[in-house]
Amino acid sequence: MSKELKTGIVAVVIIALFIWGYNFLKGQDLFSAGSRHFFVEYNNINGLNEASQVTINGLKVGKVDEIVFNNSPEKKGNLIVKISLATDFNFSKNSIAKIYSASLMGGQNLAIVPKYDGETAISGDFLKGEVESDIFSSVGEKLNPIQAKLENVLVGADSLLIGLNQVLDEKSRKSLNRSISGLEGTITDVRKTLSSVNGLLANNKDNLDSTLVNAKKITDNFSKVSEDLAKSNLGETVKKLETTLTDVNALLANMKSGKGTLGKLMTDDKMYTNLTNASKEMEELLREMKLNPKRFVHFSLFGKKAKPFNEENNTKNVSNK
C-alpha cells in the first residue's frame, strides 16, 4: 500500500469522525437506527433549543431535531418543533408534548405525557403542545399583580403626602405643634392626678380594707338571707296567698252583687233605712229608760199610774216628772 493511499484513508477517517462528532454534539447520532418523527406547534417555546432532550415518564427517548416558523398565514409567528423518538413505545394522538424547565440554571426539555385513548400516533403526526411555567416564571406571575398593587399604593401615598403638605402650611404646622404641646401638658396633668390617686389609695388602705371586709360581710349576710328564702316554701306561701285573694275577691263580688247580709246592707237601701230607724228607736228607748225609769220598773202601793211617753221631752232629754 502506497504512502499516498494511507494518507487518503486517514484523511477520510478523520473527516468522518469530525462529521460524526459534530452531529453528536448537535444531538444527532448517525449510527442510530431509524426513528419516528412527530411535530408540535407552540406560540412560544420558552427557550427550547434544537438537540434538547425528549423524555417519556422521565426516560430519554429522543431529541428535538428542528424548530421552524409556521408559514401558514393564519398561524404566522407560531413555531413548529420537529422531534424524533428512538423507541417503538406507542401512545395516542391525544398525548401532550410539554416543554419544561430542565434545571434552575436554565435550559428547556420536552416531555411527552402519554395518553392511550383514541387513535395511535404514527410518525409524522402532530401532537398537542403545552408549556410548563418554571419556578421563576411562576414567581414572576404571582409577583406581577402584587407589584401593580404596590405601585398603586405608592401612587396613593404620594398623592396623600402631597395633599398633606398642601394642607399643612406654616400656620397649620405651628397650630399642630401647639396642639401637641398642649397634649403633652394634658398627659403630664393626668400623670400627676394618677400619682395623687395612688397616694390617696395608699393612705387610706386600712379604711378601704375595712370597707371591703364590711362589704363582704353584707354580701355573706345577703347570701344567707337568700338561702333562707330559697329554703322556705315561698312558692307554697304565694300559692296560699293567691287562694286567699281569690276568696276575698269572690266575697267582694258577692257583696257587690247584693248576696249575703253585707251585700244586702250595701245594695238594699230599704234595709239600710230600717237599720237606721231601728238604731234611732233604740237610742230613744235607752234615753227614755234613763229619763223615766219608773215607766219600766213601777212599784206603787196606792196604784199610781206611770206617766206616758212624751216624745218632745224625750227629744229634749227631759224627764216626765
C-alpha atoms as a PDB file:
ATOM      1  CA  MET A   1       0.000   0.000   0.000  1.00  0.00           C
ATOM      2  CA  SER A   2       1.410   3.278  -1.055  1.00  0.00           C
ATOM      3  CA  LYS A   3       2.033   6.157   1.255  1.00  0.00           C
ATOM      4  CA  GLU A   4      -0.449   8.349  -0.601  1.00  0.00           C
ATOM      5  CA  LEU A   5      -3.239   5.769  -0.181  1.00  0.00           C
ATOM      6  CA  LYS A   6      -2.587   5.521   3.545  1.00  0.00           C
ATOM      7  CA  THR A   7      -2.703   9.304   3.827  1.00  0.00           C
ATOM      8  CA  GLY A   8      -6.022   9.426   1.939  1.00  0.00           C
ATOM      9  CA  ILE A   9      -7.580   6.699   4.134  1.00  0.00           C
ATOM     10  CA  VAL A  10      -6.538   8.536   7.323  1.00  0.00           C
ATOM     11  CA  ALA A  11      -7.914  11.798   5.926  1.00  0.00           C
ATOM     12  CA  VAL A  12     -11.295  10.184   5.157  1.00  0.00           C
ATOM     13  CA  VAL A  13     -11.468   8.624   8.611  1.00  0.00           C
ATOM     14  CA  ILE A  14     -10.627  11.938  10.229  1.00  0.00           C
ATOM     15  CA  ILE A  15     -13.290  13.730   8.161  1.00  0.00           C
ATOM     16  CA  ALA A  16     -15.859  11.032   9.013  1.00  0.00           C
ATOM     17  CA  LEU A  17     -15.039  11.270  12.738  1.00  0.00           C
ATOM     18  CA  PHE A  18     -15.279  15.062  12.542  1.00  0.00           C
ATOM     19  CA  ILE A  19     -18.739  14.872  10.910  1.00  0.00           C
ATOM     20  CA  TRP A  20     -19.918  12.268  13.424  1.00  0.00           C
ATOM     21  CA  GLY A  21     -18.594  14.301  16.359  1.00  0.00           C
ATOM     22  CA  TYR A  22     -20.231  17.497  15.072  1.00  0.00           C
ATOM     23  CA  ASN A  23     -23.569  15.796  14.654  1.00  0.00           C
ATOM     24  CA  PHE A  24     -23.178  14.056  18.016  1.00  0.00           C
ATOM     25  CA  LEU A  25     -22.651  17.421  19.684  1.00  0.00           C
ATOM     26  CA  LYS A  26     -25.849  18.587  17.989  1.00  0.00           C
ATOM     27  CA  GLY A  27     -27.630  15.575  19.434  1.00  0.00           C
ATOM     28  CA  GLN A  28     -27.753  13.568  16.208  1.00  0.00           C
ATOM     29  CA  ASP A  29     -26.450  10.027  16.133  1.00  0.00           C
ATOM     30  CA  LEU A  30     -25.600   8.982  12.594  1.00  0.00           C
ATOM     31  CA  PHE A  31     -25.341   5.330  13.644  1.00  0.00           C
ATOM     32  CA  SER A  32     -28.681   5.094  15.374  1.00  0.00           C
ATOM     33  CA  ALA A  33     -31.470   3.015  13.851  1.00  0.00           C
ATOM     34  CA  GLY A  34     -34.344   4.697  12.044  1.00  0.00           C
ATOM     35  CA  SER A  35     -36.604   6.721  14.348  1.00  0.00           C
ATOM     36  CA  ARG A  36     -40.156   8.118  14.304  1.00  0.00           C
ATOM     37  CA  HIS A  37     -40.760  11.829  13.798  1.00  0.00           C
ATOM     38  CA  PHE A  38     -43.552  13.949  15.319  1.00  0.00           C
ATOM     39  CA  PHE A  39     -44.447  17.619  15.104  1.00  0.00           C
ATOM     40  CA  VAL A  40     -45.685  20.017  17.805  1.00  0.00           C
ATOM     41  CA  GLU A  41     -46.897  23.617  17.343  1.00  0.00           C
ATOM     42  CA  TYR A  42     -46.295  26.300  20.002  1.00  0.00           C
ATOM     43  CA  ASN A  43     -46.936  30.023  20.365  1.00  0.00           C
ATOM     44  CA  ASN A  44     -43.783  30.298  22.460  1.00  0.00           C
ATOM     45  CA  ILE A  45     -41.154  27.622  23.025  1.00  0.00           C
ATOM     46  CA  ASN A  46     -39.785  29.362  26.157  1.00  0.00           C
ATOM     47  CA  GLY A  47     -36.122  28.858  25.210  1.00  0.00           C
ATOM     48  CA  LEU A  48     -36.322  25.308  23.803  1.00  0.00           C
ATOM     49  CA  ASN A  49     -33.312  24.535  21.555  1.00  0.00           C
ATOM     50  CA  GLU A  50     -32.525  22.035  18.865  1.00  0.00           C
ATOM     51  CA  ALA A  51     -30.950  18.880  20.305  1.00  0.00           C
ATOM     52  CA  SER A  52     -32.912  19.304  23.569  1.00  0.00           C
ATOM     53  CA  GLN A  53     -33.897  16.024  25.154  1.00  0.00           C
ATOM     54  CA  VAL A  54     -37.298  14.399  24.703  1.00  0.00           C
ATOM     55  CA  THR A  55     -38.475  12.187  27.566  1.00  0.00           C
ATOM     56  CA  ILE A  56     -41.410   9.942  28.391  1.00  0.00           C
ATOM     57  CA  ASN A  57     -42.070   9.463  32.108  1.00  0.00           C
ATOM     58  CA  GLY A  58     -38.551  10.753  32.806  1.00  0.00           C
ATOM     59  CA  LEU A  59     -36.795   8.396  30.366  1.00  0.00           C
ATOM     60  CA  LYS A  60     -34.857   9.956  27.473  1.00  0.00           C
ATOM     61  CA  VAL A  61     -36.350   8.608  24.270  1.00  0.00           C
ATOM     62  CA  GLY A  62     -35.381  11.199  21.682  1.00  0.00           C
ATOM     63  CA  LYS A  63     -34.399  14.755  20.886  1.00  0.00           C
ATOM     64  CA  VAL A  64     -35.535  17.940  19.186  1.00  0.00           C
ATOM     65  CA  ASP A  65     -34.451  17.864  15.538  1.00  0.00           C
ATOM     66  CA  GLU A  66     -35.651  21.155  14.137  1.00  0.00           C
ATOM     67  CA  ILE A  67     -37.518  24.348  15.098  1.00  0.00           C
ATOM     68  CA  VAL A  68     -39.045  26.446  12.273  1.00  0.00           C
ATOM     69  CA  PHE A  69     -41.716  29.104  11.903  1.00  0.00           C
ATOM     70  CA  ASN A  70     -45.128  28.160  10.601  1.00  0.00           C
ATOM     71  CA  ASN A  71     -45.561  29.546   7.067  1.00  0.00           C
ATOM     72  CA  SER A  72     -49.358  29.411   7.218  1.00  0.00           C
ATOM     73  CA  PRO A  73     -50.829  32.981   7.033  1.00  0.00           C
ATOM     74  CA  GLU A  74     -53.438  32.343   9.730  1.00  0.00           C
ATOM     75  CA  LYS A  75     -50.803  30.924  12.089  1.00  0.00           C
ATOM     76  CA  LYS A  76     -47.982  33.266  11.232  1.00  0.00           C
ATOM     77  CA  GLY A  77     -45.445  33.574  14.046  1.00  0.00           C
ATOM     78  CA  ASN A  78     -46.184  30.159  15.568  1.00  0.00           C
ATOM     79  CA  LEU A  79     -43.297  27.698  15.908  1.00  0.00           C
ATOM     80  CA  ILE A  80     -43.275  24.087  14.719  1.00  0.00           C
ATOM     81  CA  VAL A  81     -40.966  21.759  16.613  1.00  0.00           C
ATOM     82  CA  LYS A  82     -39.862  18.501  14.969  1.00  0.00           C
ATOM     83  CA  ILE A  83     -38.892  15.730  17.392  1.00  0.00           C
ATOM     84  CA  SER A  84     -37.501  12.270  16.771  1.00  0.00           C
ATOM     85  CA  LEU A  85     -38.110   9.269  19.023  1.00  0.00           C
ATOM     86  CA  ALA A  86     -35.751   6.269  19.023  1.00  0.00           C
ATOM     87  CA  THR A  87     -38.336   3.983  20.629  1.00  0.00           C
ATOM     88  CA  ASP A  88     -41.303   1.960  19.481  1.00  0.00           C
ATOM     89  CA  PHE A  89     -43.370   2.924  22.583  1.00  0.00           C
ATOM     90  CA  ASN A  90     -46.924   3.541  21.374  1.00  0.00           C
ATOM     91  CA  PHE A  91     -49.247   6.336  22.550  1.00  0.00           C
ATOM     92  CA  SER A  92     -52.321   8.058  21.137  1.00  0.00           C
ATOM     93  CA  LYS A  93     -52.638  11.301  19.200  1.00  0.00           C
ATOM     94  CA  ASN A  94     -54.167  12.862  22.319  1.00  0.00           C
ATOM     95  CA  SER A  95     -50.806  12.762  24.091  1.00  0.00           C
ATOM     96  CA  ILE A  96     -49.313  16.112  25.131  1.00  0.00           C
ATOM     97  CA  ALA A  97     -45.796  17.379  24.361  1.00  0.00           C
ATOM     98  CA  LYS A  98     -44.953  19.647  27.301  1.00  0.00           C
ATOM     99  CA  ILE A  99     -41.938  21.984  27.433  1.00  0.00           C
ATOM    100  CA  TYR A 100     -40.495  22.137  30.940  1.00  0.00           C
ATOM    101  CA  SER A 101     -37.505  23.636  32.712  1.00  0.00           C
ATOM    102  CA  ALA A 102     -34.649  21.152  32.966  1.00  0.00           C
ATOM    103  CA  SER A 103     -32.900  22.909  35.890  1.00  0.00           C
ATOM    104  CA  LEU A 104     -32.795  26.124  37.881  1.00  0.00           C
ATOM    105  CA  MET A 105     -29.816  27.282  35.823  1.00  0.00           C
ATOM    106  CA  GLY A 106     -31.918  27.291  32.660  1.00  0.00           C
ATOM    107  CA  GLY A 107     -32.374  25.052  29.663  1.00  0.00           C
ATOM    108  CA  GLN A 108     -35.629  23.541  28.435  1.00  0.00           C
ATOM    109  CA  ASN A 109     -36.504  19.960  27.593  1.00  0.00           C
ATOM    110  CA  LEU A 110     -39.611  18.410  26.120  1.00  0.00           C
ATOM    111  CA  ALA A 111     -41.605  15.702  27.844  1.00  0.00           C
ATOM    112  CA  ILE A 112     -44.323  13.652  26.200  1.00  0.00           C
ATOM    113  CA  VAL A 113     -47.225  12.985  28.552  1.00  0.00           C
ATOM    114  CA  PRO A 114     -48.602   9.791  27.009  1.00  0.00           C
ATOM    115  CA  LYS A 115     -52.288   9.073  26.706  1.00  0.00           C
ATOM    116  CA  TYR A 116     -53.742   5.846  25.410  1.00  0.00           C
ATOM    117  CA  ASP A 117     -57.291   6.737  24.463  1.00  0.00           C
ATOM    118  CA  GLY A 118     -58.057   7.331  20.821  1.00  0.00           C
ATOM    119  CA  GLU A 119     -56.088   6.633  17.660  1.00  0.00           C
ATOM    120  CA  THR A 120     -52.439   5.566  17.998  1.00  0.00           C
ATOM    121  CA  ALA A 121     -49.921   8.236  16.909  1.00  0.00           C
ATOM    122  CA  ILE A 122     -47.728   7.362  13.921  1.00  0.00           C
ATOM    123  CA  SER A 123     -44.632   9.028  12.526  1.00  0.00           C
ATOM    124  CA  GLY A 124     -45.476  12.425  11.013  1.00  0.00           C
ATOM    125  CA  ASP A 125     -48.474  13.186  13.279  1.00  0.00           C
ATOM    126  CA  PHE A 126     -48.964  16.444  15.189  1.00  0.00           C
ATOM    127  CA  LEU A 127     -49.179  16.298  18.982  1.00  0.00           C
ATOM    128  CA  LYS A 128     -50.755  18.809  21.349  1.00  0.00           C
ATOM    129  CA  GLY A 129     -48.253  21.259  22.805  1.00  0.00           C
ATOM    130  CA  GLU A 130     -48.083  22.866  26.253  1.00  0.00           C
ATOM    131  CA  VAL A 131     -45.511  24.992  28.083  1.00  0.00           C
ATOM    132  CA  GLU A 132     -44.998  24.453  31.803  1.00  0.00           C
ATOM    133  CA  SER A 133     -44.052  27.570  33.765  1.00  0.00           C
ATOM    134  CA  ASP A 134     -40.727  27.291  35.560  1.00  0.00           C
ATOM    135  CA  ILE A 135     -40.220  28.442  39.135  1.00  0.00           C
ATOM    136  CA  PHE A 136     -39.044  31.897  38.119  1.00  0.00           C
ATOM    137  CA  SER A 137     -41.939  32.382  35.711  1.00  0.00           C
ATOM    138  CA  SER A 138     -44.402  31.257  38.371  1.00  0.00           C
ATOM    139  CA  VAL A 139     -42.902  33.606  40.926  1.00  0.00           C
ATOM    140  CA  GLY A 140     -42.950  36.400  38.359  1.00  0.00           C
ATOM    141  CA  GLU A 141     -46.605  35.735  37.505  1.00  0.00           C
ATOM    142  CA  LYS A 142     -47.527  35.885  41.178  1.00  0.00           C
ATOM    143  CA  LEU A 143     -45.386  38.946  41.875  1.00  0.00           C
ATOM    144  CA  ASN A 144     -46.688  40.961  38.938  1.00  0.00           C
ATOM    145  CA  PRO A 145     -50.144  41.609  40.470  1.00  0.00           C
ATOM    146  CA  ILE A 146     -48.513  42.400  43.807  1.00  0.00           C
ATOM    147  CA  GLN A 147     -46.156  44.810  42.083  1.00  0.00           C
ATOM    148  CA  ALA A 148     -49.082  46.526  40.345  1.00  0.00           C
ATOM    149  CA  LYS A 149     -50.959  46.876  43.649  1.00  0.00           C
ATOM    150  CA  LEU A 150     -47.809  48.139  45.367  1.00  0.00           C
ATOM    151  CA  GLU A 151     -47.348  50.749  42.651  1.00  0.00           C
ATOM    152  CA  ASN A 152     -50.953  51.876  43.126  1.00  0.00           C
ATOM    153  CA  VAL A 153     -50.404  52.112  46.886  1.00  0.00           C
ATOM    154  CA  LEU A 154     -47.226  54.132  46.397  1.00  0.00           C
ATOM    155  CA  VAL A 155     -49.008  56.470  43.998  1.00  0.00           C
ATOM    156  CA  GLY A 156     -51.835  56.918  46.511  1.00  0.00           C
ATOM    157  CA  ALA A 157     -49.362  57.509  49.342  1.00  0.00           C
ATOM    158  CA  ASP A 158     -47.517  60.060  47.243  1.00  0.00           C
ATOM    159  CA  SER A 159     -50.773  61.889  46.463  1.00  0.00           C
ATOM    160  CA  LEU A 160     -51.709  61.783  50.155  1.00  0.00           C
ATOM    161  CA  LEU A 161     -48.369  63.262  51.196  1.00  0.00           C
ATOM    162  CA  ILE A 162     -48.630  65.975  48.551  1.00  0.00           C
ATOM    163  CA  GLY A 163     -52.139  66.863  49.757  1.00  0.00           C
ATOM    164  CA  LEU A 164     -50.962  66.777  53.365  1.00  0.00           C
ATOM    165  CA  ASN A 165     -48.108  69.153  52.561  1.00  0.00           C
ATOM    166  CA  GLN A 166     -50.558  71.491  50.859  1.00  0.00           C
ATOM    167  CA  VAL A 167     -52.930  71.438  53.833  1.00  0.00           C
ATOM    168  CA  LEU A 168     -50.241  71.742  56.498  1.00  0.00           C
ATOM    169  CA  ASP A 169     -48.892  75.185  55.703  1.00  0.00           C
ATOM    170  CA  GLU A 170     -46.663  77.040  58.127  1.00  0.00           C
ATOM    171  CA  LYS A 171     -49.582  78.351  60.176  1.00  0.00           C
ATOM    172  CA  SER A 172     -51.174  74.885  60.382  1.00  0.00           C
ATOM    173  CA  ARG A 173     -47.871  73.307  61.411  1.00  0.00           C
ATOM    174  CA  LYS A 174     -47.464  75.857  64.209  1.00  0.00           C
ATOM    175  CA  SER A 175     -51.023  75.158  65.353  1.00  0.00           C
ATOM    176  CA  LEU A 176     -50.326  71.424  65.250  1.00  0.00           C
ATOM    177  CA  ASN A 177     -47.155  71.939  67.298  1.00  0.00           C
ATOM    178  CA  ARG A 178     -49.152  73.912  69.883  1.00  0.00           C
ATOM    179  CA  SER A 179     -51.755  71.142  69.998  1.00  0.00           C
ATOM    180  CA  ILE A 180     -49.067  68.538  70.550  1.00  0.00           C
ATOM    181  CA  SER A 181     -47.532  70.690  73.303  1.00  0.00           C
ATOM    182  CA  GLY A 182     -50.982  71.006  74.911  1.00  0.00           C
ATOM    183  CA  LEU A 183     -51.453  67.256  74.659  1.00  0.00           C
ATOM    184  CA  GLU A 184     -48.118  66.734  76.396  1.00  0.00           C
ATOM    185  CA  GLY A 185     -49.254  69.088  79.166  1.00  0.00           C
ATOM    186  CA  THR A 186     -52.535  67.180  79.497  1.00  0.00           C
ATOM    187  CA  ILE A 187     -50.664  63.893  79.748  1.00  0.00           C
ATOM    188  CA  THR A 188     -48.436  65.410  82.442  1.00  0.00           C
ATOM    189  CA  ASP A 189     -51.522  66.548  84.403  1.00  0.00           C
ATOM    190  CA  VAL A 190     -53.062  63.098  84.048  1.00  0.00           C
ATOM    191  CA  ARG A 191     -49.877  61.545  85.392  1.00  0.00           C
ATOM    192  CA  LYS A 192     -49.967  63.932  88.381  1.00  0.00           C
ATOM    193  CA  THR A 193     -53.608  63.068  89.002  1.00  0.00           C
ATOM    194  CA  LEU A 194     -52.837  59.367  88.877  1.00  0.00           C
ATOM    195  CA  SER A 195     -49.967  59.905  91.317  1.00  0.00           C
ATOM    196  CA  SER A 196     -52.326  61.744  93.689  1.00  0.00           C
ATOM    197  CA  VAL A 197     -54.894  58.949  93.401  1.00  0.00           C
ATOM    198  CA  ASN A 198     -52.222  56.358  94.112  1.00  0.00           C
ATOM    199  CA  GLY A 199     -51.121  58.334  97.189  1.00  0.00           C
ATOM    200  CA  LEU A 200     -54.728  58.649  98.369  1.00  0.00           C
ATOM    201  CA  LEU A 201     -55.259  54.917  97.962  1.00  0.00           C
ATOM    202  CA  ALA A 202     -52.034  54.193  99.840  1.00  0.00           C
ATOM    203  CA  ASN A 203     -53.000  56.492 102.718  1.00  0.00           C
ATOM    204  CA  ASN A 204     -56.489  55.019 103.025  1.00  0.00           C
ATOM    205  CA  LYS A 205     -55.529  51.414 102.528  1.00  0.00           C
ATOM    206  CA  ASP A 206     -56.720  50.401 106.015  1.00  0.00           C
ATOM    207  CA  ASN A 207     -60.064  52.109 105.551  1.00  0.00           C
ATOM    208  CA  LEU A 208     -60.509  50.511 102.152  1.00  0.00           C
ATOM    209  CA  ASP A 209     -59.658  47.110 103.609  1.00  0.00           C
ATOM    210  CA  SER A 210     -62.252  47.625 106.363  1.00  0.00           C
ATOM    211  CA  THR A 211     -64.830  48.742 103.820  1.00  0.00           C
ATOM    212  CA  LEU A 212     -64.172  45.681 101.689  1.00  0.00           C
ATOM    213  CA  VAL A 213     -64.438  43.427 104.768  1.00  0.00           C
ATOM    214  CA  ASN A 214     -67.759  45.016 105.700  1.00  0.00           C
ATOM    215  CA  ALA A 215     -68.965  44.681 102.130  1.00  0.00           C
ATOM    216  CA  LYS A 216     -68.021  41.010 102.227  1.00  0.00           C
ATOM    217  CA  LYS A 217     -69.973  40.552 105.467  1.00  0.00           C
ATOM    218  CA  ILE A 218     -73.008  42.256 103.940  1.00  0.00           C
ATOM    219  CA  THR A 219     -72.708  40.044 100.888  1.00  0.00           C
ATOM    220  CA  ASP A 220     -72.441  36.942 103.069  1.00  0.00           C
ATOM    221  CA  ASN A 221     -75.497  38.019 105.094  1.00  0.00           C
ATOM    222  CA  PHE A 222     -77.451  38.707 101.938  1.00  0.00           C
ATOM    223  CA  SER A 223     -76.410  35.328 100.612  1.00  0.00           C
ATOM    224  CA  LYS A 224     -77.612  33.705 103.833  1.00  0.00           C
ATOM    225  CA  VAL A 225     -80.932  35.544 103.641  1.00  0.00           C
ATOM    226  CA  SER A 226     -81.287  34.473 100.027  1.00  0.00           C
ATOM    227  CA  GLU A 227     -80.538  30.897 101.044  1.00  0.00           C
ATOM    228  CA  ASP A 228     -83.152  31.065 103.824  1.00  0.00           C
ATOM    229  CA  LEU A 229     -85.696  32.456 101.393  1.00  0.00           C
ATOM    230  CA  ALA A 230     -84.842  29.703  98.958  1.00  0.00           C
ATOM    231  CA  LYS A 231     -85.235  27.041 101.656  1.00  0.00           C
ATOM    232  CA  SER A 232     -88.528  28.493 102.886  1.00  0.00           C
ATOM    233  CA  ASN A 233     -91.524  27.269 100.955  1.00  0.00           C
ATOM    234  CA  LEU A 234     -92.078  30.657  99.376  1.00  0.00           C
ATOM    235  CA  GLY A 235     -93.918  29.168  96.458  1.00  0.00           C
ATOM    236  CA  GLU A 236     -96.442  27.460  98.742  1.00  0.00           C
ATOM    237  CA  THR A 237     -96.931  30.699 100.683  1.00  0.00           C
ATOM    238  CA  VAL A 238     -97.544  32.637  97.498  1.00  0.00           C
ATOM    239  CA  LYS A 239     -99.979  29.938  96.376  1.00  0.00           C
ATOM    240  CA  LYS A 240    -101.930  30.223  99.661  1.00  0.00           C
ATOM    241  CA  LEU A 241    -101.905  33.991  99.339  1.00  0.00           C
ATOM    242  CA  GLU A 242    -103.309  33.703  95.843  1.00  0.00           C
ATOM    243  CA  THR A 243    -106.063  31.389  97.152  1.00  0.00           C
ATOM    244  CA  THR A 244    -106.898  33.865  99.929  1.00  0.00           C
ATOM    245  CA  LEU A 245    -107.023  36.757  97.479  1.00  0.00           C
ATOM    246  CA  THR A 246    -109.294  34.673  95.255  1.00  0.00           C
ATOM    247  CA  ASP A 247    -111.680  34.068  98.181  1.00  0.00           C
ATOM    248  CA  VAL A 248    -111.606  37.758  99.102  1.00  0.00           C
ATOM    249  CA  ASN A 249    -112.361  38.713  95.520  1.00  0.00           C
ATOM    250  CA  ALA A 250    -115.271  36.246  95.477  1.00  0.00           C
ATOM    251  CA  LEU A 251    -116.577  37.705  98.765  1.00  0.00           C
ATOM    252  CA  LEU A 252    -116.329  41.244  97.433  1.00  0.00           C
ATOM    253  CA  ALA A 253    -118.037  40.155  94.229  1.00  0.00           C
ATOM    254  CA  ASN A 254    -120.911  38.646  96.236  1.00  0.00           C
ATOM    255  CA  MET A 255    -121.168  41.786  98.321  1.00  0.00           C
ATOM    256  CA  LYS A 256    -121.212  43.918  95.193  1.00  0.00           C
ATOM    257  CA  SER A 257    -123.939  41.751  93.646  1.00  0.00           C
ATOM    258  CA  GLY A 258    -126.048  42.013  96.842  1.00  0.00           C
ATOM    259  CA  LYS A 259    -125.638  38.451  98.061  1.00  0.00           C
ATOM    260  CA  GLY A 260    -125.447  37.825 101.804  1.00  0.00           C
ATOM    261  CA  THR A 261    -126.152  40.160 104.720  1.00  0.00           C
ATOM    262  CA  LEU A 262    -123.305  42.542 103.942  1.00  0.00           C
ATOM    263  CA  GLY A 263    -124.247  42.553 100.280  1.00  0.00           C
ATOM    264  CA  LYS A 264    -127.846  43.383 101.020  1.00  0.00           C
ATOM    265  CA  LEU A 265    -126.767  46.017 103.505  1.00  0.00           C
ATOM    266  CA  MET A 266    -124.566  47.608 100.842  1.00  0.00           C
ATOM    267  CA  THR A 267    -127.050  47.412  97.977  1.00  0.00           C
ATOM    268  CA  ASP A 268    -130.543  47.416  99.655  1.00  0.00           C
ATOM    269  CA  ASP A 269    -131.459  50.979 100.628  1.00  0.00           C
ATOM    270  CA  LYS A 270    -134.607  49.768 102.407  1.00  0.00           C
ATOM    271  CA  MET A 271    -132.603  47.535 104.722  1.00  0.00           C
ATOM    272  CA  TYR A 272    -130.222  50.372 105.457  1.00  0.00           C
ATOM    273  CA  THR A 273    -133.165  52.660 106.265  1.00  0.00           C
ATOM    274  CA  ASN A 274    -134.705  50.030 108.562  1.00  0.00           C
ATOM    275  CA  LEU A 275    -131.435  49.587 110.421  1.00  0.00           C
ATOM    276  CA  THR A 276    -131.109  53.354 110.748  1.00  0.00           C
ATOM    277  CA  ASN A 277    -134.650  53.647 112.102  1.00  0.00           C
ATOM    278  CA  ALA A 278    -134.120  50.729 114.498  1.00  0.00           C
ATOM    279  CA  SER A 279    -130.934  52.337 115.751  1.00  0.00           C
ATOM    280  CA  LYS A 280    -132.761  55.598 116.251  1.00  0.00           C
ATOM    281  CA  GLU A 281    -135.614  53.897 118.121  1.00  0.00           C
ATOM    282  CA  MET A 282    -133.114  52.022 120.288  1.00  0.00           C
ATOM    283  CA  GLU A 283    -131.448  55.310 121.119  1.00  0.00           C
ATOM    284  CA  GLU A 284    -134.840  56.838 122.098  1.00  0.00           C
ATOM    285  CA  LEU A 285    -135.691  53.774 124.151  1.00  0.00           C
ATOM    286  CA  LEU A 286    -132.449  53.923 126.096  1.00  0.00           C
ATOM    287  CA  ARG A 287    -132.884  57.627 126.642  1.00  0.00           C
ATOM    288  CA  GLU A 288    -136.491  57.053 127.885  1.00  0.00           C
ATOM    289  CA  MET A 289    -135.302  54.328 130.259  1.00  0.00           C
ATOM    290  CA  LYS A 290    -132.702  56.690 131.610  1.00  0.00           C
ATOM    291  CA  LEU A 291    -135.111  59.652 131.987  1.00  0.00           C
ATOM    292  CA  ASN A 292    -138.231  57.779 133.158  1.00  0.00           C
ATOM    293  CA  PRO A 293    -137.145  54.503 134.726  1.00  0.00           C
ATOM    294  CA  LYS A 294    -140.483  54.263 136.649  1.00  0.00           C
ATOM    295  CA  ARG A 295    -142.310  53.630 133.428  1.00  0.00           C
ATOM    296  CA  PHE A 296    -140.425  50.326 133.065  1.00  0.00           C
ATOM    297  CA  VAL A 297    -139.925  49.371 136.772  1.00  0.00           C
ATOM    298  CA  HIS A 298    -143.017  50.559 138.768  1.00  0.00           C
ATOM    299  CA  PHE A 299    -143.876  49.813 142.397  1.00  0.00           C
ATOM    300  CA  SER A 300    -146.846  51.575 143.868  1.00  0.00           C
ATOM    301  CA  LEU A 301    -148.871  50.683 146.940  1.00  0.00           C
ATOM    302  CA  PHE A 302    -151.611  53.047 146.042  1.00  0.00           C
ATOM    303  CA  GLY A 303    -151.846  52.074 142.416  1.00  0.00           C
ATOM    304  CA  LYS A 304    -150.446  55.295 140.973  1.00  0.00           C
ATOM    305  CA  LYS A 305    -150.036  55.037 137.224  1.00  0.00           C
ATOM    306  CA  ALA A 306    -146.791  55.889 135.460  1.00  0.00           C
ATOM    307  CA  LYS A 307    -146.769  58.844 133.139  1.00  0.00           C
ATOM    308  CA  PRO A 308    -146.988  58.029 129.441  1.00  0.00           C
ATOM    309  CA  PHE A 309    -144.161  58.511 126.897  1.00  0.00           C
ATOM    310  CA  ASN A 310    -143.594  62.100 125.871  1.00  0.00           C
ATOM    311  CA  GLU A 311    -141.767  62.291 122.626  1.00  0.00           C
ATOM    312  CA  GLU A 312    -140.996  66.006 122.930  1.00  0.00           C
ATOM    313  CA  ASN A 313    -139.454  65.626 126.387  1.00  0.00           C
ATOM    314  CA  ASN A 314    -137.539  62.568 125.201  1.00  0.00           C
ATOM    315  CA  THR A 315    -136.108  64.562 122.328  1.00  0.00           C
ATOM    316  CA  LYS A 316    -135.179  67.405 124.698  1.00  0.00           C
ATOM    317  CA  ASN A 317    -133.696  64.824 127.115  1.00  0.00           C
ATOM    318  CA  VAL A 318    -136.141  65.933 129.890  1.00  0.00           C
ATOM    319  CA  SER A 319    -137.867  63.653 132.408  1.00  0.00           C
ATOM    320  CA  ASN A 320    -141.719  63.379 132.544  1.00  0.00           C
ATOM    321  CA  LYS A 321    -141.946  64.012 136.300  1.00  0.00           C
END
